[in-house]
């Protein structure tokens, strides 16, 4: 689970991502921000991780082996 922390008092450089809320509070204190000025929003897992191993139509990360295999088996034969 990931959280995006946004400082609403700043106009630039006002957000970062952390995995837990205590880590976010620790990062807020290390940057010198007030905790009351910050807003925590929970991010969806798909927005943070970019694993391409799921069967959802995205590109294959293992190379072109499936492309070559498909070209050999799906040729049109003209008579």
Protein backbone atom coordinates (compact mmCIF):
# COMPACT_ATOMS: atom_id res chain seq x y z
CA UNK A 1 0.00 0.00 0.00
CA UNK A 2 1.41 3.38 -0.97
CA UNK A 3 0.57 6.85 0.26
CA UNK A 4 1.12 10.17 -1.43
CA UNK A 5 1.85 13.03 0.94
CA UNK A 6 1.11 16.53 -0.33
CA UNK A 7 1.95 19.75 1.45
CA UNK A 8 -0.90 22.15 0.76
CA UNK A 9 0.99 25.27 1.86
CA UNK A 10 3.75 24.92 -0.80
CA UNK A 11 3.25 25.51 -4.51
CA UNK A 12 6.31 23.57 -5.80
CA UNK A 13 8.13 20.46 -4.59
CA UNK A 14 5.21 19.67 -2.33
CA UNK A 15 4.62 15.90 -2.65
CA UNK A 16 6.31 12.53 -2.19
CA UNK A 17 5.35 8.86 -1.89
CA UNK A 18 5.88 6.47 0.99
CA UNK A 19 4.76 2.94 1.82
CA UNK A 20 3.52 3.52 5.36
CA UNK A 21 2.03 6.43 7.28
CA UNK A 22 4.76 6.46 9.98
CA UNK A 23 7.39 6.65 7.24
CA UNK A 24 5.49 9.61 5.80
CA UNK A 25 5.47 11.40 9.15
CA UNK A 26 9.18 10.75 9.53
CA UNK A 27 9.86 12.17 6.05
CA UNK A 28 7.68 15.22 6.81
CA UNK A 29 9.73 15.94 9.92
CA UNK A 30 13.02 15.45 8.03
CA UNK A 31 11.91 18.00 5.42
CA UNK A 32 10.90 20.47 8.11
CA UNK A 33 7.20 20.59 7.20
CA UNK A 34 4.25 20.76 9.58
CA UNK A 35 2.17 17.59 9.78
CA UNK A 36 -1.02 19.65 9.93
CA UNK A 37 -0.26 21.19 6.52
CA UNK A 38 0.06 17.80 4.79
CA UNK A 39 -2.60 15.58 3.28
CA UNK A 40 -2.24 11.79 2.99
CA UNK A 41 -3.94 10.08 0.04
CA UNK A 42 -3.84 6.36 -0.61
CA UNK A 43 -2.62 5.40 -4.08
CA UNK A 44 -3.76 2.39 -6.06
CA UNK A 45 -1.19 -0.36 -6.45
CA UNK A 46 -1.31 -0.13 -10.25
CA UNK A 47 -0.21 3.49 -10.20
CA UNK A 48 3.00 2.72 -8.32
CA UNK A 49 4.21 -0.65 -9.55
CA UNK A 50 4.85 -1.31 -13.22
CA UNK A 51 5.07 -5.08 -13.49
CA UNK A 52 4.41 -6.26 -17.01
CA UNK A 53 3.92 -9.93 -16.18
CA UNK A 54 0.15 -9.69 -15.86
CA UNK A 55 -2.03 -10.80 -18.73
CA UNK A 56 -3.58 -7.44 -19.49
CA UNK A 57 -2.35 -6.78 -23.02
CA UNK A 58 0.81 -4.89 -22.19
CA UNK A 59 4.17 -5.60 -23.81
CA UNK A 60 6.20 -8.67 -23.00
CA UNK A 61 9.45 -8.06 -21.09
CA UNK A 62 11.06 -11.34 -22.05
CA UNK A 63 11.89 -10.42 -25.63
CA UNK A 64 10.65 -11.27 -29.07
CA UNK A 65 10.33 -15.03 -28.72
CA UNK A 66 6.56 -15.05 -29.02
CA UNK A 67 6.60 -12.78 -32.07
CA UNK A 68 8.92 -15.16 -33.96
CA UNK A 69 6.89 -18.20 -32.97
CA UNK A 70 3.65 -16.56 -34.08
CA UNK A 71 5.10 -15.61 -37.48
CA UNK A 72 6.09 -19.22 -38.17
CA UNK A 73 2.76 -20.79 -37.28
CA UNK A 74 0.33 -18.26 -38.70
CA UNK A 75 1.44 -17.90 -42.30
CA UNK A 76 -1.11 -17.61 -45.06
CA UNK A 77 -0.71 -20.24 -47.75
CA UNK A 78 -1.87 -19.28 -51.22
CA UNK A 79 -2.92 -22.12 -53.53
